[in-house]
PDB file of N, CA and C in Angstrom:
ATOM      1  N   MET A   1      67.078 125.511  64.550  1.00  0.00           N
ATOM      2  CA  MET A   1      66.259 125.977  65.373  1.00  0.00           C
ATOM      3  C   MET A   1      66.732 125.335  66.813  1.00  0.00           C
ATOM      4  N   THR A   2      67.047 125.658  67.827  1.00  0.00           N
ATOM      5  CA  THR A   2      67.556 125.061  69.156  1.00  0.00           C
ATOM      6  C   THR A   2      66.074 125.478  70.337  1.00  0.00           C
ATOM      7  N   GLY A   3      66.561 124.665  71.013  1.00  0.00           N
ATOM      8  CA  GLY A   3      65.079 125.007  72.226  1.00  0.00           C
ATOM      9  C   GLY A   3      64.612 123.737  72.807  1.00  0.00           C
ATOM     10  N   LEU A   4      63.613 123.540  73.497  1.00  0.00           N
ATOM     11  CA  LEU A   4      63.282 122.511  73.943  1.00  0.00           C
ATOM     12  C   LEU A   4      61.281 122.630  73.172  1.00  0.00           C
ATOM     13  N   THR A   5      60.986 121.784  72.684  1.00  0.00           N
ATOM     14  CA  THR A   5      60.135 121.783  71.952  1.00  0.00           C
ATOM     15  C   THR A   5      58.888 120.712  72.713  1.00  0.00           C
ATOM     16  N   THR A   6      57.753 120.577  72.714  1.00  0.00           N
ATOM     17  CA  THR A   6      56.638 119.341  72.908  1.00  0.00           C
ATOM     18  C   THR A   6      55.498 119.382  71.826  1.00  0.00           C
ATOM     19  N   HIS A   7      55.049 118.397  71.695  1.00  0.00           N
ATOM     20  CA  HIS A   7      53.779 118.111  70.841  1.00  0.00           C
ATOM     21  C   HIS A   7      53.308 116.856  71.283  1.00  0.00           C
ATOM     22  N   VAL A   8      51.640 116.890  71.508  1.00  0.00           N
ATOM     23  CA  VAL A   8      50.950 116.093  72.116  1.00  0.00           C
ATOM     24  C   VAL A   8      49.854 115.414  71.359  1.00  0.00           C
ATOM     25  N   LEU A   9      49.594 113.752  71.182  1.00  0.00           N
ATOM     26  CA  LEU A   9      48.593 113.442  70.628  1.00  0.00           C
ATOM     27  C   LEU A   9      47.834 112.744  71.338  1.00  0.00           C
ATOM     28  N   ASP A  10      46.319 113.363  71.164  1.00  0.00           N
ATOM     29  CA  ASP A  10      45.689 111.706  72.060  1.00  0.00           C
ATOM     30  C   ASP A  10      45.079 110.904  70.606  1.00  0.00           C
ATOM     31  N   THR A  11      45.779 109.747  71.002  1.00  0.00           N
ATOM     32  CA  THR A  11      45.811 108.349  70.544  1.00  0.00           C
ATOM     33  C   THR A  11      44.503 107.601  70.557  1.00  0.00           C
ATOM     34  N   ALA A  12      43.939 108.085  71.201  1.00  0.00           N
ATOM     35  CA  ALA A  12      42.504 107.367  71.288  1.00  0.00           C
ATOM     36  C   ALA A  12      41.231 108.065  70.530  1.00  0.00           C
ATOM     37  N   LEU A  13      41.717 109.032  70.454  1.00  0.00           N
ATOM     38  CA  LEU A  13      40.715 110.187  69.712  1.00  0.00           C
ATOM     39  C   LEU A  13      41.331 110.576  68.244  1.00  0.00           C
ATOM     40  N   GLY A  14      42.458 110.130  67.715  1.00  0.00           N
ATOM     41  CA  GLY A  14      43.262 110.178  66.507  1.00  0.00           C
ATOM     42  C   GLY A  14      43.337 111.932  66.413  1.00  0.00           C
ATOM     43  N   LYS A  15      43.337 112.813  67.521  1.00  0.00           N
ATOM     44  CA  LYS A  15      43.807 114.034  67.524  1.00  0.00           C
ATOM     45  C   LYS A  15      44.683 114.956  67.896  1.00  0.00           C
ATOM     46  N   PRO A  16      44.991 116.113  67.886  1.00  0.00           N
ATOM     47  CA  PRO A  16      46.097 116.715  68.917  1.00  0.00           C
ATOM     48  C   PRO A  16      45.265 116.601  70.214  1.00  0.00           C
ATOM     49  N   ALA A  17      46.008 116.696  71.106  1.00  0.00           N
ATOM     50  CA  ALA A  17      45.802 116.974  72.503  1.00  0.00           C
ATOM     51  C   ALA A  17      45.634 118.732  72.797  1.00  0.00           C
ATOM     52  N   ALA A  18      44.245 119.130  72.294  1.00  0.00           N
ATOM     53  CA  ALA A  18      44.400 120.446  72.612  1.00  0.00           C
ATOM     54  C   ALA A  18      43.679 120.780  74.300  1.00  0.00           C
ATOM     55  N   GLY A  19      44.645 121.962  75.316  1.00  0.00           N
ATOM     56  CA  GLY A  19      44.388 122.351  76.683  1.00  0.00           C
ATOM     57  C   GLY A  19      44.529 121.449  77.247  1.00  0.00           C
ATOM     58  N   LEU A  20      45.877 120.983  77.361  1.00  0.00           N
ATOM     59  CA  LEU A  20      46.792 119.667  77.498  1.00  0.00           C
ATOM     60  C   LEU A  20      47.762 120.838  78.919  1.00  0.00           C
ATOM     61  N   ARG A  21      47.217 120.601  80.207  1.00  0.00           N
ATOM     62  CA  ARG A  21      48.618 121.620  80.955  1.00  0.00           C
ATOM     63  C   ARG A  21      49.525 120.634  80.975  1.00  0.00           C
ATOM     64  N   ILE A  22      51.085 121.604  80.907  1.00  0.00           N
ATOM     65  CA  ILE A  22      52.048 121.549  80.972  1.00  0.00           C
ATOM     66  C   ILE A  22      53.082 121.788  81.885  1.00  0.00           C
ATOM     67  N   GLN A  23      54.211 121.132  82.474  1.00  0.00           N
ATOM     68  CA  GLN A  23      54.766 122.146  83.637  1.00  0.00           C
ATOM     69  C   GLN A  23      56.205 121.677  83.217  1.00  0.00           C
ATOM     70  N   LEU A  24      57.038 122.555  83.226  1.00  0.00           N
ATOM     71  CA  LEU A  24      58.491 122.453  82.879  1.00  0.00           C
ATOM     72  C   LEU A  24      59.324 122.607  84.163  1.00  0.00           C
ATOM     73  N   LEU A  25      60.635 121.391  84.768  1.00  0.00           N
ATOM     74  CA  LEU A  25      61.013 121.689  85.494  1.00  0.00           C
ATOM     75  C   LEU A  25      62.409 121.441  85.314  1.00  0.00           C
ATOM     76  N   ARG A  26      63.637 122.402  86.253  1.00  0.00           N
ATOM     77  CA  ARG A  26      64.824 121.850  86.441  1.00  0.00           C
ATOM     78  C   ARG A  26      65.344 121.147  87.269  1.00  0.00           C
ATOM     79  N   VAL A  27      65.971 120.607  87.513  1.00  0.00           N
ATOM     80  CA  VAL A  27      65.941 119.093  88.563  1.00  0.00           C
ATOM     81  C   VAL A  27      67.760 118.888  88.418  1.00  0.00           C
ATOM     82  N   SER A  28      67.913 119.167  89.734  1.00  0.00           N
ATOM     83  CA  SER A  28      69.019 118.931  89.995  1.00  0.00           C
ATOM     84  C   SER A  28      69.880 118.197  91.064  1.00  0.00           C
ATOM     85  N   SER A  29      70.623 117.729  91.726  1.00  0.00           N
ATOM     86  CA  SER A  29      70.580 117.251  93.101  1.00  0.00           C
ATOM     87  C   SER A  29      69.887 117.874  94.207  1.00  0.00           C
ATOM     88  N   GLU A  30      70.507 119.338  94.272  1.00  0.00           N
ATOM     89  CA  GLU A  30      69.802 120.006  95.807  1.00  0.00           C
ATOM     90  C   GLU A  30      68.437 120.331  95.483  1.00  0.00           C
ATOM     91  N   ALA A  31      67.947 120.865  94.451  1.00  0.00           N
ATOM     92  CA  ALA A  31      66.537 121.089  93.897  1.00  0.00           C
ATOM     93  C   ALA A  31      65.943 120.398  92.798  1.00  0.00           C
ATOM     94  N   VAL A  32      64.195 121.009  92.810  1.00  0.00           N
ATOM     95  CA  VAL A  32      63.455 120.515  91.398  1.00  0.00           C
ATOM     96  C   VAL A  32      62.885 121.883  91.256  1.00  0.00           C
ATOM     97  N   GLU A  33      63.000 122.338  90.377  1.00  0.00           N
ATOM     98  CA  GLU A  33      62.885 124.249  90.237  1.00  0.00           C
ATOM     99  C   GLU A  33      61.681 124.241  89.152  1.00  0.00           C
ATOM    100  N   LEU A  34      60.606 124.606  89.686  1.00  0.00           N
ATOM    101  CA  LEU A  34      59.812 124.883  88.591  1.00  0.00           C
ATOM    102  C   LEU A  34      59.942 126.281  87.379  1.00  0.00           C
ATOM    103  N   ILE A  35      60.000 125.776  86.081  1.00  0.00           N
ATOM    104  CA  ILE A  35      60.386 126.831  85.357  1.00  0.00           C
ATOM    105  C   ILE A  35      58.878 127.779  84.964  1.00  0.00           C
ATOM    106  N   LYS A  36      57.640 126.707  84.274  1.00  0.00           N
ATOM    107  CA  LYS A  36      57.156 127.441  83.645  1.00  0.00           C
ATOM    108  C   LYS A  36      55.528 126.610  83.632  1.00  0.00           C
ATOM    109  N   THR A  37      54.992 126.720  83.312  1.00  0.00           N
ATOM    110  CA  THR A  37      53.427 126.232  83.195  1.00  0.00           C
ATOM    111  C   THR A  37      52.871 126.857  81.668  1.00  0.00           C
ATOM    112  N   VAL A  38      52.546 125.862  80.436  1.00  0.00           N
ATOM    113  CA  VAL A  38      52.239 126.006  79.462  1.00  0.00           C
ATOM    114  C   VAL A  38      51.130 125.422  79.337  1.00  0.00           C
ATOM    115  N   PHE A  39      50.596 124.939  77.992  1.00  0.00           N
ATOM    116  CA  PHE A  39      49.179 124.729  77.677  1.00  0.00           C
ATOM    117  C   PHE A  39      49.172 124.189  76.328  1.00  0.00           C
ATOM    118  N   THR A  40      48.541 123.249  75.572  1.00  0.00           N
ATOM    119  CA  THR A  40      48.647 122.726  74.433  1.00  0.00           C
ATOM    120  C   THR A  40      47.616 124.077  73.704  1.00  0.00           C
ATOM    121  N   ASN A  41      48.000 123.973  72.330  1.00  0.00           N
ATOM    122  CA  ASN A  41      46.988 124.650  71.491  1.00  0.00           C
ATOM    123  C   ASN A  41      45.872 123.245  71.105  1.00  0.00           C
ATOM    124  N   SER A  42      45.474 124.414  69.639  1.00  0.00           N
ATOM    125  CA  SER A  42      44.695 123.451  68.747  1.00  0.00           C
ATOM    126  C   SER A  42      45.289 122.313  68.404  1.00  0.00           C
ATOM    127  N   ASP A  43      46.917 122.517  68.263  1.00  0.00           N
ATOM    128  CA  ASP A  43      47.464 121.378  67.460  1.00  0.00           C
ATOM    129  C   ASP A  43      48.333 120.413  68.250  1.00  0.00           C
ATOM    130  N   GLY A  44      47.874 120.748  69.560  1.00  0.00           N
ATOM    131  CA  GLY A  44      48.647 119.933  70.467  1.00  0.00           C
ATOM    132  C   GLY A  44      49.774 120.481  70.850  1.00  0.00           C
ATOM    133  N   ARG A  45      50.454 121.849  70.101  1.00  0.00           N
ATOM    134  CA  ARG A  45      51.655 122.262  70.219  1.00  0.00           C
ATOM    135  C   ARG A  45      51.917 123.905  71.287  1.00  0.00           C
ATOM    136  N   VAL A  46      52.803 124.231  71.671  1.00  0.00           N
ATOM    137  CA  VAL A  46      53.015 125.079  72.634  1.00  0.00           C
ATOM    138  C   VAL A  46      52.885 126.657  71.624  1.00  0.00           C
ATOM    139  N   ASP A  47      52.143 127.679  72.317  1.00  0.00           N
ATOM    140  CA  ASP A  47      52.259 128.645  71.522  1.00  0.00           C
ATOM    141  C   ASP A  47      53.545 129.386  71.589  1.00  0.00           C
ATOM    142  N   GLY A  48      53.943 130.083  70.765  1.00  0.00           N
ATOM    143  CA  GLY A  48      55.202 131.061  70.945  1.00  0.00           C
ATOM    144  C   GLY A  48      56.642 130.590  70.974  1.00  0.00           C
ATOM    145  N   GLY A  49      56.457 129.279  70.364  1.00  0.00           N
ATOM    146  CA  GLY A  49      57.940 129.072  70.179  1.00  0.00           C
ATOM    147  C   GLY A  49      58.482 127.669  71.423  1.00  0.00           C
ATOM    148  N   PRO A  50      59.587 127.756  71.053  1.00  0.00           N
ATOM    149  CA  PRO A  50      59.947 126.735  72.138  1.00  0.00           C
ATOM    150  C   PRO A  50      59.584 127.224  73.732  1.00  0.00           C
ATOM    151  N   ILE A  51      59.440 125.494  74.563  1.00  0.00           N
ATOM    152  CA  ILE A  51      58.847 126.214  76.133  1.00  0.00           C
ATOM    153  C   ILE A  51      60.471 126.677  76.441  1.00  0.00           C
ATOM    154  N   LEU A  52      61.622 126.034  75.994  1.00  0.00           N
ATOM    155  CA  LEU A  52      62.905 126.633  76.696  1.00  0.00           C
ATOM    156  C   LEU A  52      63.522 126.905  75.460  1.00  0.00           C
ATOM    157  N   ASP A  53      63.978 128.313  75.824  1.00  0.00           N
ATOM    158  CA  ASP A  53      65.542 128.584  74.785  1.00  0.00           C
ATOM    159  C   ASP A  53      66.121 129.652  75.747  1.00  0.00           C
ATOM    160  N   GLY A  54      66.886 130.226  73.986  1.00  0.00           N
ATOM    161  CA  GLY A  54      67.742 131.460  74.733  1.00  0.00           C
ATOM    162  C   GLY A  54      68.551 131.196  75.968  1.00  0.00           C
ATOM    163  N   ASP A  55      69.047 132.119  76.874  1.00  0.00           N
ATOM    164  CA  ASP A  55      69.825 132.048  78.148  1.00  0.00           C
ATOM    165  C   ASP A  55      69.332 130.891  78.977  1.00  0.00           C
ATOM    166  N   GLU A  56      67.772 130.272  79.309  1.00  0.00           N
ATOM    167  CA  GLU A  56      67.372 129.521  79.545  1.00  0.00           C
ATOM    168  C   GLU A  56      68.155 128.057  79.187  1.00  0.00           C
ATOM    169  N   PHE A  57      68.041 127.492  78.523  1.00  0.00           N
ATOM    170  CA  PHE A  57      68.248 126.663  77.610  1.00  0.00           C
ATOM    171  C   PHE A  57      69.529 125.628  77.750  1.00  0.00           C
ATOM    172  N   THR A  58      69.948 125.589  79.095  1.00  0.00           N
ATOM    173  CA  THR A  58      71.441 125.235  79.391  1.00  0.00           C
ATOM    174  C   THR A  58      71.344 123.297  79.441  1.00  0.00           C
ATOM    175  N   VAL A  59      72.657 123.078  79.776  1.00  0.00           N
ATOM    176  CA  VAL A  59      72.770 121.638  80.038  1.00  0.00           C
ATOM    177  C   VAL A  59      72.383 121.575  81.468  1.00  0.00           C
ATOM    178  N   GLY A  60      71.686 120.160  81.080  1.00  0.00           N
ATOM    179  CA  GLY A  60      71.019 119.718  82.616  1.00  0.00           C
ATOM    180  C   GLY A  60      70.137 118.893  82.521  1.00  0.00           C
ATOM    181  N   SER A  61      69.635 118.400  83.664  1.00  0.00           N
ATOM    182  CA  SER A  61      68.000 117.614  83.701  1.00  0.00           C
ATOM    183  C   SER A  61      67.073 118.720  83.762  1.00  0.00           C
ATOM    184  N   TYR A  62      66.290 118.000  83.427  1.00  0.00           N
ATOM    185  CA  TYR A  62      64.986 118.575  83.105  1.00  0.00           C
ATOM    186  C   TYR A  62      63.785 117.301  83.334  1.00  0.00           C
ATOM    187  N   GLU A  63      62.237 117.986  83.542  1.00  0.00           N
ATOM    188  CA  GLU A  63      61.303 116.928  83.709  1.00  0.00           C
ATOM    189  C   GLU A  63      60.344 117.991  82.974  1.00  0.00           C
ATOM    190  N   LEU A  64      59.011 116.907  82.329  1.00  0.00           N
ATOM    191  CA  LEU A  64      57.977 117.397  81.823  1.00  0.00           C
ATOM    192  C   LEU A  64      57.074 117.205  82.328  1.00  0.00           C
ATOM    193  N   LEU A  65      56.181 117.397  82.842  1.00  0.00           N
ATOM    194  CA  LEU A  65      55.096 117.025  83.545  1.00  0.00           C
ATOM    195  C   LEU A  65      53.474 117.276  82.339  1.00  0.00           C
ATOM    196  N   PHE A  66      53.316 116.170  82.413  1.00  0.00           N
ATOM    197  CA  PHE A  66      52.113 116.338  81.456  1.00  0.00           C
ATOM    198  C   PHE A  66      50.771 115.787  82.111  1.00  0.00           C
ATOM    199  N   HIS A  67      50.066 116.724  82.355  1.00  0.00           N
ATOM    200  CA  HIS A  67      48.997 116.466  83.405  1.00  0.00           C
ATOM    201  C   HIS A  67      47.450 115.333  82.366  1.00  0.00           C
ATOM    202  N   ALA A  68      47.925 114.679  82.280  1.00  0.00           N
ATOM    203  CA  ALA A  68      47.333 113.556  81.161  1.00  0.00           C
ATOM    204  C   ALA A  68      45.528 113.630  81.755  1.00  0.00           C
ATOM    205  N   GLY A  69      45.662 113.542  83.029  1.00  0.00           N
ATOM    206  CA  GLY A  69      44.215 112.777  83.992  1.00  0.00           C
ATOM    207  C   GLY A  69      43.237 113.833  83.316  1.00  0.00           C
ATOM    208  N   GLU A  70      43.380 115.014  84.213  1.00  0.00           N
ATOM    209  CA  GLU A  70      42.954 116.271  84.040  1.00  0.00           C
ATOM    210  C   GLU A  70      41.921 116.610  82.416  1.00  0.00           C
ATOM    211  N   TYR A  71      42.913 116.123  81.702  1.00  0.00           N
ATOM    212  CA  TYR A  71      43.259 116.310  80.005  1.00  0.00           C
ATOM    213  C   TYR A  71      41.932 115.409  79.585  1.00  0.00           C
ATOM    214  N   LEU A  72      42.252 114.217  79.764  1.00  0.00           N
ATOM    215  CA  LEU A  72      41.345 113.130  79.947  1.00  0.00           C
ATOM    216  C   LEU A  72      40.016 113.315  80.102  1.00  0.00           C
ATOM    217  N   LYS A  73      39.838 113.454  81.416  1.00  0.00           N
ATOM    218  CA  LYS A  73      38.839 113.975  81.976  1.00  0.00           C
ATOM    219  C   LYS A  73      37.765 115.074  81.404  1.00  0.00           C
ATOM    220  N   GLY A  74      38.369 116.017  81.028  1.00  0.00           N
ATOM    221  CA  GLY A  74      37.772 117.009  80.140  1.00  0.00           C
ATOM    222  C   GLY A  74      37.619 116.642  78.674  1.00  0.00           C
ATOM    223  N   GLN A  75      37.567 115.287  78.331  1.00  0.00           N
ATOM    224  CA  GLN A  75      37.915 114.917  76.870  1.00  0.00           C
ATOM    225  C   GLN A  75      36.338 114.266  77.190  1.00  0.00           C
ATOM    226  N   GLY A  76      35.887 113.537  78.067  1.00  0.00           N
ATOM    227  CA  GLY A  76      34.993 113.111  78.597  1.00  0.00           C
ATOM    228  C   GLY A  76      35.557 111.161  78.270  1.00  0.00           C
ATOM    229  N   ALA A  77      37.204 110.925  78.569  1.00  0.00           N
ATOM    230  CA  ALA A  77      37.273 109.977  78.156  1.00  0.00           C
ATOM    231  C   ALA A  77      36.766 108.992  79.771  1.00  0.00           C
ATOM    232  N   PRO A  78      36.234 107.828  79.601  1.00  0.00           N
ATOM    233  CA  PRO A  78      35.634 106.473  80.674  1.00  0.00           C
ATOM    234  C   PRO A  78      37.230 106.295  81.444  1.00  0.00           C
ATOM    235  N   LEU A  79      37.072 106.995  82.699  1.00  0.00           N
ATOM    236  CA  LEU A  79      38.101 106.913  83.545  1.00  0.00           C
ATOM    237  C   LEU A  79      37.632 106.080  84.843  1.00  0.00           C
ATOM    238  N   THR A  80      39.269 105.502  85.507  1.00  0.00           N
ATOM    239  CA  THR A  80      38.743 104.664  87.094  1.00  0.00           C
ATOM    240  C   THR A  80      38.788 106.032  87.746  1.00  0.00           C
ATOM    241  N   ASP A  81      38.511 105.796  88.823  1.00  0.00           N
ATOM    242  CA  ASP A  81      38.766 106.627  89.960  1.00  0.00           C
ATOM    243  C   ASP A  81      40.019 105.990  91.063  1.00  0.00           C
ATOM    244  N   PRO A  82      40.984 106.459  91.168  1.00  0.00           N
ATOM    245  CA  PRO A  82      41.345 107.180  90.308  1.00  0.00           C
ATOM    246  C   PRO A  82      41.726 106.879  89.118  1.00  0.00           C
ATOM    247  N   PRO A  83      42.237 107.988  87.748  1.00  0.00           N
ATOM    248  CA  PRO A  83      42.498 107.673  86.987  1.00  0.00           C
ATOM    249  C   PRO A  83      44.322 106.811  86.916  1.00  0.00           C
ATOM    250  N   PHE A  84      43.841 105.787  86.020  1.00  0.00           N
ATOM    251  CA  PHE A  84      45.534 104.890  85.485  1.00  0.00           C
ATOM    252  C   PHE A  84      46.602 105.969  85.641  1.00  0.00           C
ATOM    253  N   LEU A  85      46.438 106.848  84.253  1.00  0.00           N
ATOM    254  CA  LEU A  85      47.287 107.658  84.014  1.00  0.00           C
ATOM    255  C   LEU A  85      46.840 109.411  84.257  1.00  0.00           C
ATOM    256  N   ASP A  86      47.509 109.678  85.048  1.00  0.00           N
ATOM    257  CA  ASP A  86      47.386 111.070  85.806  1.00  0.00           C
ATOM    258  C   ASP A  86      48.262 112.129  85.324  1.00  0.00           C
ATOM    259  N   ILE A  87      49.397 111.960  86.060  1.00  0.00           N
ATOM    260  CA  ILE A  87      50.578 113.263  85.813  1.00  0.00           C
ATOM    261  C   ILE A  87      51.529 112.367  85.188  1.00  0.00           C
ATOM    262  N   ILE A  88      51.816 112.314  83.884  1.00  0.00           N
ATOM    263  CA  ILE A  88      52.863 111.151  82.993  1.00  0.00           C
ATOM    264  C   ILE A  88      54.398 112.559  83.106  1.00  0.00           C
ATOM    265  N   PRO A  89      55.239 112.203  84.055  1.00  0.00           N
ATOM    266  CA  PRO A  89      56.705 112.739  84.269  1.00  0.00           C
ATOM    267  C   PRO A  89      57.975 112.016  83.211  1.00  0.00           C
ATOM    268  N   ILE A  90      58.228 113.277  82.376  1.00  0.00           N
ATOM    269  CA  ILE A  90      59.121 112.806  81.423  1.00  0.00           C
ATOM    270  C   ILE A  90      60.568 113.260  82.130  1.00  0.00           C
ATOM    271  N   ARG A  91      61.412 112.349  82.235  1.00  0.00           N
ATOM    272  CA  ARG A  91      62.588 113.208  82.726  1.00  0.00           C
ATOM    273  C   ARG A  91      63.763 113.074  81.815  1.00  0.00           C
ATOM    274  N   PHE A  92      64.434 113.984  81.213  1.00  0.00           N
ATOM    275  CA  PHE A  92      65.183 114.123  79.756  1.00  0.00           C
ATOM    276  C   PHE A  92      66.656 115.005  80.639  1.00  0.00           C
ATOM    277  N   GLY A  93      67.505 114.412  79.688  1.00  0.00           N
ATOM    278  CA  GLY A  93      69.132 115.533  80.230  1.00  0.00           C
ATOM    279  C   GLY A  93      69.218 116.594  78.182  1.00  0.00           C
ATOM    280  N   ILE A  94      69.415 117.414  78.660  1.00  0.00           N
ATOM    281  CA  ILE A  94      69.822 118.196  77.646  1.00  0.00           C
ATOM    282  C   ILE A  94      71.504 118.349  77.564  1.00  0.00           C
ATOM    283  N   SER A  95      72.380 117.674  76.966  1.00  0.00           N
ATOM    284  CA  SER A  95      73.777 117.987  76.735  1.00  0.00           C
ATOM    285  C   SER A  95      74.256 118.808  75.884  1.00  0.00           C
ATOM    286  N   ASP A  96      73.535 119.528  74.864  1.00  0.00           N
ATOM    287  CA  ASP A  96      73.761 120.431  73.956  1.00  0.00           C
ATOM    288  C   ASP A  96      72.939 121.205  73.577  1.00  0.00           C
ATOM    289  N   PRO A  97      73.309 122.821  74.258  1.00  0.00           N
ATOM    290  CA  PRO A  97      72.567 123.707  74.118  1.00  0.00           C
ATOM    291  C   PRO A  97      72.055 124.331  72.997  1.00  0.00           C
ATOM    292  N   SER A  98      72.924 124.161  71.738  1.00  0.00           N
ATOM    293  CA  SER A  98      72.939 124.631  70.405  1.00  0.00           C
ATOM    294  C   SER A  98      72.176 123.869  69.730  1.00  0.00           C
ATOM    295  N   ALA A  99      71.530 122.414  70.230  1.00  0.00           N
ATOM    296  CA  ALA A  99      70.642 121.474  69.257  1.00  0.00           C
ATOM    297  C   ALA A  99      68.842 121.575  69.823  1.00  0.00           C
ATOM    298  N   HIS A 100      68.348 121.115  69.003  1.00  0.00           N
ATOM    299  CA  HIS A 100      67.093 121.344  69.207  1.00  0.00           C
ATOM    300  C   HIS A 100      66.460 119.958  69.695  1.00  0.00           C
ATOM    301  N   TYR A 101      65.829 120.394  70.716  1.00  0.00           N
ATOM    302  CA  TYR A 101      64.976 118.699  71.318  1.00  0.00           C
ATOM    303  C   TYR A 101      63.724 118.690  71.142  1.00  0.00           C
ATOM    304  N   HIS A 102      63.094 118.018  70.889  1.00  0.00           N
ATOM    305  CA  HIS A 102      61.872 118.122  70.784  1.00  0.00           C
ATOM    306  C   HIS A 102      61.263 116.656  72.009  1.00  0.00           C
ATOM    307  N   VAL A 103      60.261 116.776  72.667  1.00  0.00           N
ATOM    308  CA  VAL A 103      59.701 115.590  73.469  1.00  0.00           C
ATOM    309  C   VAL A 103      58.541 115.581  73.304  1.00  0.00           C
ATOM    310  N   PRO A 104      57.750 114.745  72.031  1.00  0.00           N
ATOM    311  CA  PRO A 104      56.703 114.420  71.679  1.00  0.00           C
ATOM    312  C   PRO A 104      55.802 113.269  72.877  1.00  0.00           C
ATOM    313  N   LEU A 105      54.568 113.754  72.904  1.00  0.00           N
ATOM    314  CA  LEU A 105      53.697 112.683  73.687  1.00  0.00           C
ATOM    315  C   LEU A 105      52.510 111.858  72.755  1.00  0.00           C
ATOM    316  N   LEU A 106      52.657 111.077  73.136  1.00  0.00           N
ATOM    317  CA  LEU A 106      51.349 110.006  72.399  1.00  0.00           C
ATOM    318  C   LEU A 106      50.557 109.543  73.393  1.00  0.00           C
ATOM    319  N   LEU A 107      49.467 109.949  74.062  1.00  0.00           N
ATOM    320  CA  LEU A 107      48.287 109.501  74.613  1.00  0.00           C
ATOM    321  C   LEU A 107      47.132 108.966  74.355  1.00  0.00           C
ATOM    322  N   SER A 108      46.961 108.069  75.651  1.00  0.00           N
ATOM    323  CA  SER A 108      45.414 107.540  75.539  1.00  0.00           C
ATOM    324  C   SER A 108      45.067 107.442  77.194  1.00  0.00           C
ATOM    325  N   PRO A 109      44.034 107.164  77.319  1.00  0.00           N
ATOM    326  CA  PRO A 109      43.686 106.699  78.787  1.00  0.00           C
ATOM    327  C   PRO A 109      44.799 105.639  79.230  1.00  0.00           C
ATOM    328  N   TYR A 110      45.152 105.054  78.625  1.00  0.00           N
ATOM    329  CA  TYR A 110      45.573 103.469  79.699  1.00  0.00           C
ATOM    330  C   TYR A 110      47.537 103.209  78.862  1.00  0.00           C
ATOM    331  N   GLY A 111      47.754 104.312  78.586  1.00  0.00           N
ATOM    332  CA  GLY A 111      49.474 104.453  77.814  1.00  0.00           C
ATOM    333  C   GLY A 111      49.749 105.817  77.331  1.00  0.00           C
ATOM    334  N   TYR A 112      51.198 105.234  76.890  1.00  0.00           N
ATOM    335  CA  TYR A 112      51.639 106.267  76.243  1.00  0.00           C
ATOM    336  C   TYR A 112      52.828 106.320  75.721  1.00  0.00           C
ATOM    337  N   SER A 113      53.471 107.058  74.762  1.00  0.00           N
ATOM    338  CA  SER A 113      54.951 106.776  74.407  1.00  0.00           C
ATOM    339  C   SER A 113      55.471 108.127  74.245  1.00  0.00           C
ATOM    340  N   THR A 114      56.884 108.141  74.107  1.00  0.00           N
ATOM    341  CA  THR A 114      57.586 109.214  73.573  1.00  0.00           C
ATOM    342  C   THR A 114      59.238 109.150  73.451  1.00  0.00           C
ATOM    343  N   TYR A 115      59.762 109.816  72.544  1.00  0.00           N
ATOM    344  CA  TYR A 115      60.688 109.981  72.230  1.00  0.00           C
ATOM    345  C   TYR A 115      61.683 111.367  71.363  1.00  0.00           C
ATOM    346  N   ARG A 116      62.691 111.306  71.460  1.00  0.00           N
ATOM    347  CA  ARG A 116      63.316 111.973  70.735  1.00  0.00           C
ATOM    348  C   ARG A 116      62.690 112.220  69.648  1.00  0.00           C
ATOM    349  N   GLY A 117      61.948 113.364  69.019  1.00  0.00           N
ATOM    350  CA  GLY A 117      61.793 113.815  67.832  1.00  0.00           C
ATOM    351  C   GLY A 117      62.844 114.850  67.702  1.00  0.00           C
ATOM    352  N   SER A 118      62.461 115.582  65.919  1.00  0.00           N
ATOM    353  CA  SER A 118      62.946 116.521  65.684  1.00  0.00           C
ATOM    354  C   SER A 118      62.072 117.489  65.301  1.00  0.00           C
TER     355      SER A 118
END
């Protein structure tokens, strides 16, 4: 498998984060371009395969914007106003378009972690 995938887990609830909005951006020194907006399914993944693949999956810098604040509010999490975590940006580079890049997010109202998964 090649392309870019993600998976979001709500560690406070111990389950996948369903319905979380994610925006994918391509970042260069000249501009930041919104490529697409997707939502996680009941398994915390994005339906339809990789978020980015094929001819669009090229070497470069990218950013995933995880809209955690609106998701957590929708789950009824006790949040401050404004929420401590609102939009979580994860900027990363793709250096090998023949590889699979998996960027998971482990999320709670006051912390998160990520890594390059498989």
